[in-house]
C-alpha atoms as a PDB file:
ATOM      1  CA  MET A   1       0.000   0.000   0.000  1.00  0.00           C
ATOM      2  CA  GLY A   2       1.829   3.079  -1.193  1.00  0.00           C
ATOM      3  CA  LEU A   3       1.299   6.750  -0.569  1.00  0.00           C
ATOM      4  CA  ALA A   4      -1.145   7.179  -3.447  1.00  0.00           C
ATOM      5  CA  LYS A   5      -3.778   5.047  -1.670  1.00  0.00           C
ATOM      6  CA  TYR A   6      -4.222   7.900   0.799  1.00  0.00           C
ATOM      7  CA  ASN A   7      -4.308  10.586  -1.887  1.00  0.00           C
ATOM      8  CA  CYS A   8      -1.014  11.972  -0.666  1.00  0.00           C
ATOM      9  CA  ASP A   9       1.477  13.297  -3.168  1.00  0.00           C
ATOM     10  CA  ALA A  10       4.986  12.005  -2.416  1.00  0.00           C
ATOM     11  CA  ASP A  11       6.353  15.348  -3.618  1.00  0.00           C
ATOM     12  CA  VAL A  12       4.357  17.071  -0.859  1.00  0.00           C
ATOM     13  CA  LEU A  13       5.993  14.869   1.768  1.00  0.00           C
ATOM     14  CA  ILE A  14       9.437  15.391   0.267  1.00  0.00           C
ATOM     15  CA  GLU A  15       8.936  19.153   0.277  1.00  0.00           C
ATOM     16  CA  SER A  16       7.836  18.975   3.923  1.00  0.00           C
ATOM     17  CA  VAL A  17      11.177  17.374   4.831  1.00  0.00           C
ATOM     18  CA  ARG A  18      12.842  20.550   3.575  1.00  0.00           C
ATOM     19  CA  ARG A  19      10.371  22.767   5.478  1.00  0.00           C
ATOM     20  CA  ILE A  20      10.938  21.092   8.835  1.00  0.00           C
ATOM     21  CA  ARG A  21      14.516  22.316   8.908  1.00  0.00           C
ATOM     22  CA  ARG A  22      15.098  24.779  11.732  1.00  0.00           C
ATOM     23  CA  LYS A  23      11.612  24.348  13.196  1.00  0.00           C
ATOM     24  CA  ARG A  24      11.923  24.798  16.945  1.00  0.00           C
ATOM     25  CA  VAL A  25      10.514  21.979  19.051  1.00  0.00           C
ATOM     26  CA  LEU A  26      10.416  22.147  22.831  1.00  0.00           C
ATOM     27  CA  VAL A  27      10.784  18.623  24.239  1.00  0.00           C
ATOM     28  CA  ILE A  28       9.780  18.189  27.875  1.00  0.00           C
ATOM     29  CA  GLY A  29       9.956  14.795  29.521  1.00  0.00           C
ATOM     30  CA  ASP A  30      12.027  12.102  31.162  1.00  0.00           C
ATOM     31  CA  LEU A  31      15.628  12.483  30.004  1.00  0.00           C
ATOM     32  CA  MET A  32      17.638   9.246  29.995  1.00  0.00           C
ATOM     33  CA  LEU A  33      20.935   7.790  28.921  1.00  0.00           C
ATOM     34  CA  ASP A  34      20.912   4.582  26.895  1.00  0.00           C
ATOM     35  CA  ARG A  35      24.051   2.508  27.405  1.00  0.00           C
ATOM     36  CA  PHE A  36      24.973  -0.492  25.263  1.00  0.00           C
ATOM     37  CA  PHE A  37      27.443  -3.304  25.822  1.00  0.00           C
ATOM     38  CA  TRP A  38      28.172  -5.118  22.563  1.00  0.00           C
ATOM     39  CA  GLY A  39      29.643  -8.606  22.463  1.00  0.00           C
ATOM     40  CA  SER A  40      29.263 -12.243  21.538  1.00  0.00           C
ATOM     41  CA  VAL A  41      28.167 -15.474  23.211  1.00  0.00           C
ATOM     42  CA  SER A  42      30.010 -18.779  22.890  1.00  0.00           C
ATOM     43  CA  ARG A  43      29.112 -20.554  26.122  1.00  0.00           C
ATOM     44  CA  ILE A  44      26.645 -20.856  28.974  1.00  0.00           C
ATOM     45  CA  SER A  45      27.673 -19.853  32.474  1.00  0.00           C
ATOM     46  CA  PRO A  46      28.556 -22.760  34.805  1.00  0.00           C
ATOM     47  CA  GLU A  47      27.011 -20.729  37.652  1.00  0.00           C
ATOM     48  CA  ALA A  48      23.500 -20.409  36.179  1.00  0.00           C
ATOM     49  CA  PRO A  49      21.687 -21.225  32.903  1.00  0.00           C
ATOM     50  CA  VAL A  50      22.514 -17.865  31.343  1.00  0.00           C
ATOM     51  CA  PRO A  51      24.778 -16.895  28.427  1.00  0.00           C
ATOM     52  CA  VAL A  52      28.226 -15.485  29.065  1.00  0.00           C
ATOM     53  CA  VAL A  53      28.648 -12.360  26.943  1.00  0.00           C
ATOM     54  CA  ASP A  54      32.175 -11.476  25.899  1.00  0.00           C
ATOM     55  CA  ILE A  55      32.006  -7.675  25.816  1.00  0.00           C
ATOM     56  CA  ARG A  56      33.903  -6.095  22.908  1.00  0.00           C
ATOM     57  CA  ARG A  57      32.799  -2.463  23.097  1.00  0.00           C
ATOM     58  CA  GLU A  58      30.585  -0.014  24.985  1.00  0.00           C
ATOM     59  CA  THR A  59      28.542   2.896  23.615  1.00  0.00           C
ATOM     60  CA  SER A  60      26.037   5.350  25.012  1.00  0.00           C
ATOM     61  CA  CYS A  61      23.471   7.675  23.490  1.00  0.00           C
ATOM     62  CA  LEU A  62      20.491   9.797  24.429  1.00  0.00           C
ATOM     63  CA  GLY A  63      17.362   7.920  25.493  1.00  0.00           C
ATOM     64  CA  GLY A  64      13.770   8.629  26.509  1.00  0.00           C
ATOM     65  CA  ALA A  65      12.833  12.272  26.006  1.00  0.00           C
ATOM     66  CA  ALA A  66      16.503  12.952  25.217  1.00  0.00           C
ATOM     67  CA  ASN A  67      16.158  10.595  22.236  1.00  0.00           C
ATOM     68  CA  VAL A  68      13.283  12.781  21.017  1.00  0.00           C
ATOM     69  CA  VAL A  69      15.713  15.698  21.242  1.00  0.00           C
ATOM     70  CA  MET A  70      18.213  13.705  19.164  1.00  0.00           C
ATOM     71  CA  SER A  71      15.526  12.733  16.624  1.00  0.00           C
ATOM     72  CA  VAL A  72      14.427  16.353  16.161  1.00  0.00           C
ATOM     73  CA  ALA A  73      18.032  17.446  15.637  1.00  0.00           C
ATOM     74  CA  ALA A  74      18.771  14.576  13.226  1.00  0.00           C
ATOM     75  CA  LEU A  75      15.913  15.718  10.978  1.00  0.00           C
ATOM     76  CA  GLY A  76      17.208  19.282  10.928  1.00  0.00           C
ATOM     77  CA  GLY A  77      14.969  20.744  13.611  1.00  0.00           C
ATOM     78  CA  ARG A  78      16.117  22.881  16.530  1.00  0.00           C
ATOM     79  CA  PRO A  79      15.279  21.130  19.806  1.00  0.00           C
ATOM     80  CA  LEU A  80      14.993  22.662  23.256  1.00  0.00           C
ATOM     81  CA  ALA A  81      15.421  20.100  26.042  1.00  0.00           C
ATOM     82  CA  PHE A  82      13.400  20.444  29.253  1.00  0.00           C
ATOM     83  CA  GLY A  83      13.666  18.030  32.150  1.00  0.00           C
ATOM     84  CA  VAL A  84      15.831  16.956  35.052  1.00  0.00           C
ATOM     85  CA  VAL A  85      19.088  15.011  35.349  1.00  0.00           C
ATOM     86  CA  GLY A  86      21.095  13.928  38.365  1.00  0.00           C
ATOM     87  CA  GLY A  87      24.307  15.521  39.516  1.00  0.00           C
ATOM     88  CA  ASP A  88      26.289  12.527  38.267  1.00  0.00           C
ATOM     89  CA  ALA A  89      28.480  11.603  35.318  1.00  0.00           C
ATOM     90  CA  GLU A  90      25.509  10.281  33.352  1.00  0.00           C
ATOM     91  CA  GLY A  91      23.612  13.546  33.808  1.00  0.00           C
ATOM     92  CA  SER A  92      26.635  15.469  32.546  1.00  0.00           C
ATOM     93  CA  GLU A  93      26.862  13.140  29.562  1.00  0.00           C
ATOM     94  CA  ILE A  94      23.234  13.822  28.632  1.00  0.00           C
ATOM     95  CA  LEU A  95      23.845  17.570  28.791  1.00  0.00           C
ATOM     96  CA  ASN A  96      27.050  17.314  26.756  1.00  0.00           C
ATOM     97  CA  GLN A  97      25.443  15.134  24.085  1.00  0.00           C
ATOM     98  CA  CYS A  98      22.484  17.519  23.809  1.00  0.00           C
ATOM     99  CA  ARG A  99      24.830  20.482  23.423  1.00  0.00           C
ATOM    100  CA  ALA A 100      26.786  18.606  20.757  1.00  0.00           C
ATOM    101  CA  LEU A 101      23.545  18.294  18.770  1.00  0.00           C
ATOM    102  CA  GLY A 102      23.018  22.046  18.976  1.00  0.00           C
ATOM    103  CA  ALA A 103      20.089  21.604  21.367  1.00  0.00           C
ATOM    104  CA  SER A 104      19.300  24.200  23.994  1.00  0.00           C
ATOM    105  CA  VAL A 105      19.603  22.805  27.536  1.00  0.00           C
ATOM    106  CA  GLY A 106      18.411  25.915  29.353  1.00  0.00           C
ATOM    107  CA  GLY A 107      15.299  24.012  30.428  1.00  0.00           C
ATOM    108  CA  VAL A 108      17.233  21.169  32.073  1.00  0.00           C
ATOM    109  CA  VAL A 109      17.565  21.303  35.857  1.00  0.00           C
ATOM    110  CA  VAL A 110      20.332  19.391  37.662  1.00  0.00           C
ATOM    111  CA  ASP A 111      19.057  17.731  40.860  1.00  0.00           C
ATOM    112  CA  ARG A 112      22.067  16.607  42.872  1.00  0.00           C
ATOM    113  CA  ASP A 113      19.838  14.452  45.087  1.00  0.00           C
ATOM    114  CA  ARG A 114      18.517  12.432  42.163  1.00  0.00           C
ATOM    115  CA  GLU A 115      20.005   9.644  40.039  1.00  0.00           C
ATOM    116  CA  THR A 116      19.999  10.078  36.284  1.00  0.00           C
ATOM    117  CA  THR A 117      17.885   7.428  34.575  1.00  0.00           C
ATOM    118  CA  VAL A 118      20.131   4.942  32.760  1.00  0.00           C
ATOM    119  CA  LYS A 119      18.997   1.955  30.702  1.00  0.00           C
ATOM    120  CA  THR A 120      21.790  -0.516  29.978  1.00  0.00           C
ATOM    121  CA  ARG A 121      21.351  -3.108  27.246  1.00  0.00           C
ATOM    122  CA  ILE A 122      23.628  -6.069  26.560  1.00  0.00           C
ATOM    123  CA  ILE A 123      23.659  -6.983  22.861  1.00  0.00           C
ATOM    124  CA  ALA A 124      25.127 -10.177  21.428  1.00  0.00           C
ATOM    125  CA  HIS A 125      24.883 -11.338  17.812  1.00  0.00           C
ATOM    126  CA  HIS A 126      22.444  -8.504  16.974  1.00  0.00           C
ATOM    127  CA  GLN A 127      20.047  -9.523  19.750  1.00  0.00           C
ATOM    128  CA  GLN A 128      19.306  -7.966  23.112  1.00  0.00           C
ATOM    129  CA  VAL A 129      20.314 -10.447  25.821  1.00  0.00           C
ATOM    130  CA  CYS A 130      19.508  -8.400  28.909  1.00  0.00           C
ATOM    131  CA  ARG A 131      18.524  -4.910  30.059  1.00  0.00           C
ATOM    132  CA  THR A 132      19.194  -3.255  33.401  1.00  0.00           C
ATOM    133  CA  ASP A 133      17.559  -0.011  34.588  1.00  0.00           C
ATOM    134  CA  ARG A 134      18.732   2.534  37.126  1.00  0.00           C
ATOM    135  CA  GLU A 135      16.123   5.172  37.893  1.00  0.00           C
ATOM    136  CA  ASP A 136      14.355   7.286  40.481  1.00  0.00           C
ATOM    137  CA  PRO A 137      10.672   7.563  39.477  1.00  0.00           C
ATOM    138  CA  ALA A 138       9.627   9.614  42.517  1.00  0.00           C
ATOM    139  CA  PRO A 139       7.724  12.827  41.691  1.00  0.00           C
ATOM    140  CA  LEU A 140       9.813  15.977  41.521  1.00  0.00           C
ATOM    141  CA  PRO A 141       9.933  18.244  44.562  1.00  0.00           C
ATOM    142  CA  ALA A 142       7.613  21.226  44.155  1.00  0.00           C
ATOM    143  CA  ALA A 143      10.531  23.663  43.928  1.00  0.00           C
ATOM    144  CA  LEU A 144      12.065  21.811  40.955  1.00  0.00           C
ATOM    145  CA  LEU A 145       8.678  21.501  39.261  1.00  0.00           C
ATOM    146  CA  ASP A 146       8.201  25.246  39.599  1.00  0.00           C
ATOM    147  CA  ARG A 147      11.622  25.989  38.098  1.00  0.00           C
ATOM    148  CA  ILE A 148      11.013  23.826  35.041  1.00  0.00           C
ATOM    149  CA  ALA A 149       7.434  25.035  34.543  1.00  0.00           C
ATOM    150  CA  ASP A 150       8.534  28.669  34.805  1.00  0.00           C
ATOM    151  CA  ARG A 151      11.275  28.144  32.224  1.00  0.00           C
ATOM    152  CA  PHE A 152       8.765  26.332  29.999  1.00  0.00           C
ATOM    153  CA  GLY A 153       6.395  29.296  30.080  1.00  0.00           C
ATOM    154  CA  LYS A 154       9.151  31.736  29.174  1.00  0.00           C
ATOM    155  CA  ALA A 155      10.331  29.618  26.228  1.00  0.00           C
ATOM    156  CA  LEU A 156       6.922  29.001  24.646  1.00  0.00           C
ATOM    157  CA  GLN A 157       6.717  32.069  22.437  1.00  0.00           C
ATOM    158  CA  GLY A 158       9.936  31.115  20.661  1.00  0.00           C
ATOM    159  CA  VAL A 159       8.961  27.578  19.600  1.00  0.00           C
ATOM    160  CA  ASP A 160       6.829  26.046  16.856  1.00  0.00           C
ATOM    161  CA  ALA A 161       5.689  22.898  18.677  1.00  0.00           C
ATOM    162  CA  VAL A 162       5.850  21.118  22.021  1.00  0.00           C
ATOM    163  CA  VAL A 163       6.475  17.417  22.640  1.00  0.00           C
ATOM    164  CA  VAL A 164       5.594  15.860  25.998  1.00  0.00           C
ATOM    165  CA  SER A 165       7.593  12.630  26.332  1.00  0.00           C
ATOM    166  CA  ASP A 166       6.267  10.753  29.372  1.00  0.00           C
ATOM    167  CA  TYR A 167       8.221   7.695  30.490  1.00  0.00           C
ATOM    168  CA  ALA A 168       6.685   7.651  33.993  1.00  0.00           C
ATOM    169  CA  LYS A 169       9.990   8.586  35.661  1.00  0.00           C
ATOM    170  CA  GLY A 170       8.598  11.401  37.803  1.00  0.00           C
ATOM    171  CA  LEU A 171       8.753  14.569  35.699  1.00  0.00           C
ATOM    172  CA  VAL A 172       5.475  14.445  33.779  1.00  0.00           C
ATOM    173  CA  SER A 173       3.215  14.473  36.829  1.00  0.00           C
ATOM    174  CA  ALA A 174      -0.356  15.729  37.033  1.00  0.00           C
ATOM    175  CA  PRO A 175       0.785  19.006  38.681  1.00  0.00           C
ATOM    176  CA  MET A 176       3.342  19.530  35.910  1.00  0.00           C
ATOM    177  CA  LEU A 177       0.775  18.862  33.188  1.00  0.00           C
ATOM    178  CA  ARG A 178      -1.662  21.306  34.784  1.00  0.00           C
ATOM    179  CA  ARG A 179       1.040  23.950  34.536  1.00  0.00           C
ATOM    180  CA  ILE A 180       2.408  23.379  31.035  1.00  0.00           C
ATOM    181  CA  LEU A 181      -0.460  22.191  28.819  1.00  0.00           C
ATOM    182  CA  PRO A 182      -2.885  25.096  29.378  1.00  0.00           C
ATOM    183  CA  ALA A 183       0.061  27.457  28.875  1.00  0.00           C
ATOM    184  CA  ALA A 184       0.891  25.792  25.563  1.00  0.00           C
ATOM    185  CA  ARG A 185      -2.737  25.954  24.447  1.00  0.00           C
ATOM    186  CA  SER A 186      -2.975  29.640  25.399  1.00  0.00           C
ATOM    187  CA  ALA A 187       0.123  30.253  23.292  1.00  0.00           C
ATOM    188  CA  ARG A 188      -1.563  28.357  20.391  1.00  0.00           C
ATOM    189  CA  LYS A 189       1.222  25.803  20.127  1.00  0.00           C
ATOM    190  CA  ILE A 190       1.046  22.348  18.568  1.00  0.00           C
ATOM    191  CA  VAL A 191       1.293  19.816  21.420  1.00  0.00           C
ATOM    192  CA  CYS A 192       2.201  16.181  20.733  1.00  0.00           C
ATOM    193  CA  VAL A 193       2.098  13.745  23.655  1.00  0.00           C
ATOM    194  CA  ASP A 194       3.726  10.326  23.981  1.00  0.00           C
ATOM    195  CA  PRO A 195       1.775   9.070  27.020  1.00  0.00           C
ATOM    196  CA  LYS A 196       2.289   6.643  29.866  1.00  0.00           C
ATOM    197  CA  LYS A 197      -0.613   7.476  32.163  1.00  0.00           C
ATOM    198  CA  ARG A 198      -3.642   5.177  32.330  1.00  0.00           C
ATOM    199  CA  THR A 199      -6.012   8.137  32.069  1.00  0.00           C
ATOM    200  CA  LEU A 200      -5.198  10.028  28.888  1.00  0.00           C
ATOM    201  CA  ALA A 201      -7.486  12.895  29.900  1.00  0.00           C
ATOM    202  CA  ALA A 202      -4.538  13.928  32.113  1.00  0.00           C
ATOM    203  CA  TYR A 203      -2.896  15.239  28.906  1.00  0.00           C
ATOM    204  CA  ARG A 204      -5.721  17.654  28.098  1.00  0.00           C
ATOM    205  CA  PRO A 205      -5.445  19.813  26.049  1.00  0.00           C
ATOM    206  CA  ALA A 206      -3.274  18.230  23.328  1.00  0.00           C
ATOM    207  CA  THR A 207      -3.123  18.330  19.546  1.00  0.00           C
ATOM    208  CA  VAL A 208      -2.153  14.653  19.121  1.00  0.00           C
ATOM    209  CA  ILE A 209      -1.673  11.816  21.624  1.00  0.00           C
ATOM    210  CA  THR A 210       0.311   8.762  20.449  1.00  0.00           C
ATOM    211  CA  PRO A 211      -0.324   5.679  22.635  1.00  0.00           C
ATOM    212  CA  ASN A 212       0.733   2.218  21.532  1.00  0.00           C
ATOM    213  CA  THR A 213      -1.831  -0.586  21.369  1.00  0.00           C
ATOM    214  CA  GLN A 214      -1.281  -1.701  24.969  1.00  0.00           C
ATOM    215  CA  GLU A 215      -1.612   1.861  26.261  1.00  0.00           C
ATOM    216  CA  ALA A 216      -4.782   2.321  24.210  1.00  0.00           C
ATOM    217  CA  GLU A 217      -6.232  -0.868  25.718  1.00  0.00           C
ATOM    218  CA  ARG A 218      -5.406   0.290  29.234  1.00  0.00           C
ATOM    219  CA  ALA A 219      -6.825   3.773  28.687  1.00  0.00           C
ATOM    220  CA  SER A 220     -10.054   2.597  27.043  1.00  0.00           C
ATOM    221  CA  GLY A 221     -10.683  -0.596  28.988  1.00  0.00           C
ATOM    222  CA  ILE A 222     -11.242  -2.361  25.655  1.00  0.00           C
ATOM    223  CA  ALA A 223      -9.183  -5.416  24.677  1.00  0.00           C
ATOM    224  CA  VAL A 224      -7.981  -4.829  21.114  1.00  0.00           C
ATOM    225  CA  ARG A 225      -8.249  -8.096  19.192  1.00  0.00           C
ATOM    226  CA  THR A 226      -9.694  -6.847  15.912  1.00  0.00           C
ATOM    227  CA  SER A 227      -9.755  -3.660  13.859  1.00  0.00           C
ATOM    228  CA  GLN A 228     -13.289  -3.060  15.117  1.00  0.00           C
ATOM    229  CA  ASP A 229     -12.039  -3.245  18.711  1.00  0.00           C
ATOM    230  CA  LEU A 230      -9.344  -0.731  17.897  1.00  0.00           C
ATOM    231  CA  VAL A 231     -11.823   1.695  16.352  1.00  0.00           C
ATOM    232  CA  ARG A 232     -14.093   1.464  19.402  1.00  0.00           C
ATOM    233  CA  ALA A 233     -11.126   1.989  21.740  1.00  0.00           C
ATOM    234  CA  GLY A 234      -9.742   4.897  19.738  1.00  0.00           C
ATOM    235  CA  LYS A 235     -13.042   6.744  19.534  1.00  0.00           C
ATOM    236  CA  LYS A 236     -13.581   6.295  23.258  1.00  0.00           C
ATOM    237  CA  ILE A 237     -10.120   7.653  24.042  1.00  0.00           C
ATOM    238  CA  LEU A 238     -10.618  10.599  21.699  1.00  0.00           C
ATOM    239  CA  ARG A 239     -13.853  11.519  23.525  1.00  0.00           C
ATOM    240  CA  GLN A 240     -12.354  11.093  26.981  1.00  0.00           C
ATOM    241  CA  SER A 241      -8.987  12.730  26.360  1.00  0.00           C
ATOM    242  CA  GLY A 242     -10.231  15.846  24.630  1.00  0.00           C
ATOM    243  CA  ALA A 243      -7.327  15.578  22.175  1.00  0.00           C
ATOM    244  CA  GLU A 244      -7.824  16.869  18.654  1.00  0.00           C
ATOM    245  CA  HIS A 245      -6.357  13.677  17.181  1.00  0.00           C
ATOM    246  CA  LEU A 246      -5.195  10.250  18.321  1.00  0.00           C
ATOM    247  CA  LEU A 247      -2.445   8.209  16.638  1.00  0.00           C
ATOM    248  CA  VAL A 248      -2.229   4.620  17.871  1.00  0.00           C
ATOM    249  CA  THR A 249       1.111   3.000  17.049  1.00  0.00           C
ATOM    250  CA  ARG A 250       0.695  -0.724  16.401  1.00  0.00           C
ATOM    251  CA  GLY A 251       4.160  -2.155  15.777  1.00  0.00           C
ATOM    252  CA  GLU A 252       4.239  -4.439  12.742  1.00  0.00           C
ATOM    253  CA  LYS A 253       0.622  -3.461  11.963  1.00  0.00           C
ATOM    254  CA  GLY A 254       1.535   0.171  11.389  1.00  0.00           C
ATOM    255  CA  MET A 255      -0.553   2.998  12.854  1.00  0.00           C
ATOM    256  CA  THR A 256      -4.169   4.066  13.077  1.00  0.00           C
ATOM    257  CA  LEU A 257      -5.091   7.745  13.035  1.00  0.00           C
ATOM    258  CA  PHE A 258      -8.322   9.034  14.604  1.00  0.00           C
ATOM    259  CA  GLU A 259      -9.093  12.589  13.529  1.00  0.00           C
ATOM    260  CA  ALA A 260     -11.256  15.142  15.258  1.00  0.00           C
ATOM    261  CA  GLU A 261     -13.948  15.086  12.564  1.00  0.00           C
ATOM    262  CA  GLY A 262     -14.386  11.309  12.902  1.00  0.00           C
ATOM    263  CA  ARG A 263     -12.200   9.971  10.100  1.00  0.00           C
ATOM    264  CA  VAL A 264     -10.252   6.809  10.964  1.00  0.00           C
ATOM    265  CA  THR A 265      -7.301   5.802   8.779  1.00  0.00           C
ATOM    266  CA  HIS A 266      -5.215   2.639   9.060  1.00  0.00           C
ATOM    267  CA  ILE A 267      -1.646   3.262   7.890  1.00  0.00           C
ATOM    268  CA  PRO A 268       0.222  -0.016   7.228  1.00  0.00           C
ATOM    269  CA  THR A 269       3.846  -0.336   8.266  1.00  0.00           C
ATOM    270  CA  VAL A 270       6.494   0.309   5.648  1.00  0.00           C
ATOM    271  CA  ALA A 271       9.282  -1.434   7.579  1.00  0.00           C
ATOM    272  CA  ARG A 272      11.012  -3.993   5.348  1.00  0.00           C
ATOM    273  CA  GLU A 273      12.957  -5.528   8.217  1.00  0.00           C
ATOM    274  CA  VAL A 274      12.974  -5.057  11.979  1.00  0.00           C
ATOM    275  CA  PHE A 275      16.169  -5.332  14.003  1.00  0.00           C
ATOM    276  CA  ASP A 276      15.309  -3.229  17.048  1.00  0.00           C
ATOM    277  CA  VAL A 277      12.233  -1.215  18.087  1.00  0.00           C
ATOM    278  CA  THR A 278      14.214   0.749  20.711  1.00  0.00           C
ATOM    279  CA  GLY A 279      13.296   4.410  20.408  1.00  0.00           C
ATOM    280  CA  ALA A 280      10.834   3.985  17.536  1.00  0.00           C
ATOM    281  CA  GLY A 281       8.134   5.857  19.444  1.00  0.00           C
ATOM    282  CA  ASP A 282      10.554   8.740  19.989  1.00  0.00           C
ATOM    283  CA  THR A 283      11.159   8.929  16.243  1.00  0.00           C
ATOM    284  CA  VAL A 284       7.402   8.936  15.598  1.00  0.00           C
ATOM    285  CA  ILE A 285       6.623  11.801  17.968  1.00  0.00           C
ATOM    286  CA  ALA A 286       9.609  13.890  16.825  1.00  0.00           C
ATOM    287  CA  THR A 287       8.715  13.506  13.140  1.00  0.00           C
ATOM    288  CA  LEU A 288       5.033  14.139  13.823  1.00  0.00           C
ATOM    289  CA  ALA A 289       5.721  17.353  15.727  1.00  0.00           C
ATOM    290  CA  LEU A 290       8.104  18.664  13.071  1.00  0.00           C
ATOM    291  CA  ALA A 291       5.712  17.794  10.240  1.00  0.00           C
ATOM    292  CA  LEU A 292       2.791  19.540  11.938  1.00  0.00           C
ATOM    293  CA  ALA A 293       5.022  22.545  12.648  1.00  0.00           C
ATOM    294  CA  ALA A 294       5.878  22.603   8.932  1.00  0.00           C
ATOM    295  CA  GLY A 295       2.181  22.861   8.087  1.00  0.00           C
ATOM    296  CA  LEU A 296       1.344  19.304   7.023  1.00  0.00           C
ATOM    297  CA  PRO A 297      -2.202  18.099   7.740  1.00  0.00           C
ATOM    298  CA  VAL A 298      -2.302  15.481  10.467  1.00  0.00           C
ATOM    299  CA  LEU A 299      -2.795  12.498   8.108  1.00  0.00           C
ATOM    300  CA  GLU A 300       0.226  13.403   6.005  1.00  0.00           C
ATOM    301  CA  ALA A 301       2.230  14.112   9.163  1.00  0.00           C
ATOM    302  CA  ALA A 302       1.307  10.652  10.480  1.00  0.00           C
ATOM    303  CA  MET A 303       2.350   9.060   7.194  1.00  0.00           C
ATOM    304  CA  LEU A 304       5.704  10.807   7.366  1.00  0.00           C
ATOM    305  CA  ALA A 305       6.150   9.595  10.949  1.00  0.00           C
ATOM    306  CA  ASN A 306       5.255   6.061   9.854  1.00  0.00           C
ATOM    307  CA  ILE A 307       7.963   6.118   7.184  1.00  0.00           C
ATOM    308  CA  ALA A 308      10.500   7.421   9.702  1.00  0.00           C
ATOM    309  CA  ALA A 309       9.580   4.631  12.124  1.00  0.00           C
ATOM    310  CA  GLY A 310      10.028   2.050   9.369  1.00  0.00           C
ATOM    311  CA  ILE A 311      13.562   3.318   8.823  1.00  0.00           C
ATOM    312  CA  VAL A 312      14.627   3.453  12.463  1.00  0.00           C
ATOM    313  CA  VAL A 313      13.476  -0.082  13.385  1.00  0.00           C
ATOM    314  CA  ALA A 314      15.837  -1.440  10.743  1.00  0.00           C
ATOM    315  CA  LYS A 315      18.750  -0.095  12.793  1.00  0.00           C
ATOM    316  CA  LEU A 316      20.207  -1.759  15.873  1.00  0.00           C
ATOM    317  CA  GLY A 317      20.165   0.200  19.116  1.00  0.00           C
ATOM    318  CA  THR A 318      18.735   3.647  19.838  1.00  0.00           C
ATOM    319  CA  ALA A 319      18.829   5.378  16.449  1.00  0.00           C
ATOM    320  CA  SER A 320      17.518   8.358  14.513  1.00  0.00           C
ATOM    321  CA  VAL A 321      16.635   9.236  10.921  1.00  0.00           C
ATOM    322  CA  SER A 322      18.311  11.789   8.662  1.00  0.00           C
ATOM    323  CA  PRO A 323      16.474  13.976   6.115  1.00  0.00           C
ATOM    324  CA  GLU A 324      18.173  12.081   3.289  1.00  0.00           C
ATOM    325  CA  GLU A 325      16.991   8.726   4.664  1.00  0.00           C
ATOM    326  CA  LEU A 326      13.465  10.074   5.082  1.00  0.00           C
ATOM    327  CA  VAL A 327      13.319  11.362   1.497  1.00  0.00           C
ATOM    328  CA  ALA A 328      14.614   8.014   0.233  1.00  0.00           C
ATOM    329  CA  GLY A 329      11.942   6.263   2.319  1.00  0.00           C
ATOM    330  CA  ILE A 330       9.206   8.441   0.828  1.00  0.00           C
ATOM    331  CA  ARG A 331      10.350   7.651  -2.700  1.00  0.00           C
ATOM    332  CA  ARG A 332      10.635   3.946  -1.940  1.00  0.00           C
ATOM    333  CA  ASN A 333       7.086   3.785  -0.617  1.00  0.00           C
ATOM    334  CA  SER A 334       5.382   5.927  -3.258  1.00  0.00           C
ATOM    335  CA  LEU A 335       3.622   4.397  -6.261  1.00  0.00           C
END
């Protein structure tokens, strides 16, 4: 199913990739560091029935909301990072990597009493063997919340869109949302939300909310077994959340877009091969926000995000998509 099925001109999408350059996207959410140990397995441990991984190299990159920052920058946008990191080496690494991308970090607060969230993955023979997490999901102290929310309000007039990247690590709390979302709406900003809360009405008001299938099931109370189930769940969420649009990401089944006027569109995946889904949702929300900021209608923006997701899942580890890769993906999937 190519782009023509949805009456979308591939040239329009390609032109939008040029227009998203330098669009300013404020990303607020749970900043993380993704660490990878790469190696190989040739034996099972004599101590327990687990593989012994011979580590050959170690890498680290931005994860969580920080991966959204990286994805915006990779596509040519200008990201502003908002969140909290610990006063540790990992927090400093997140700040340094963001600065290296050209991202503003004026909205990032260093909390010396808090650990930076770190996800460590052990990869052997192109497969994830194990993941360890270090995190502090406790809600932010009121004083830190106030500092971030105040900086958010001051930055709003200078941005084209806002992304809320909720990984349930303590930043995107109900008090924080009550501060930032009405402010963004008053400033007439596009707001894209990648949610984690069971009740999606907590993200009111938003332009687009992007739950995955499991999150949509949890929010709606409807088990999604068929396309009809999904439509019922999506329409219920759209009513309850007050969002203008809902984009349900469905893994190998693609995405389903629910628009404010009632139109429902299933967008099949364009991924030709899947090596790793790490960070795919971050790529989706970054591309969606940039495309909407560039003036694309929501369906075309969702299609562009779907193509970007299809590219990133073919890469191993936390990855991003370049403008050149996105244009090539558009051409490959057009009729």
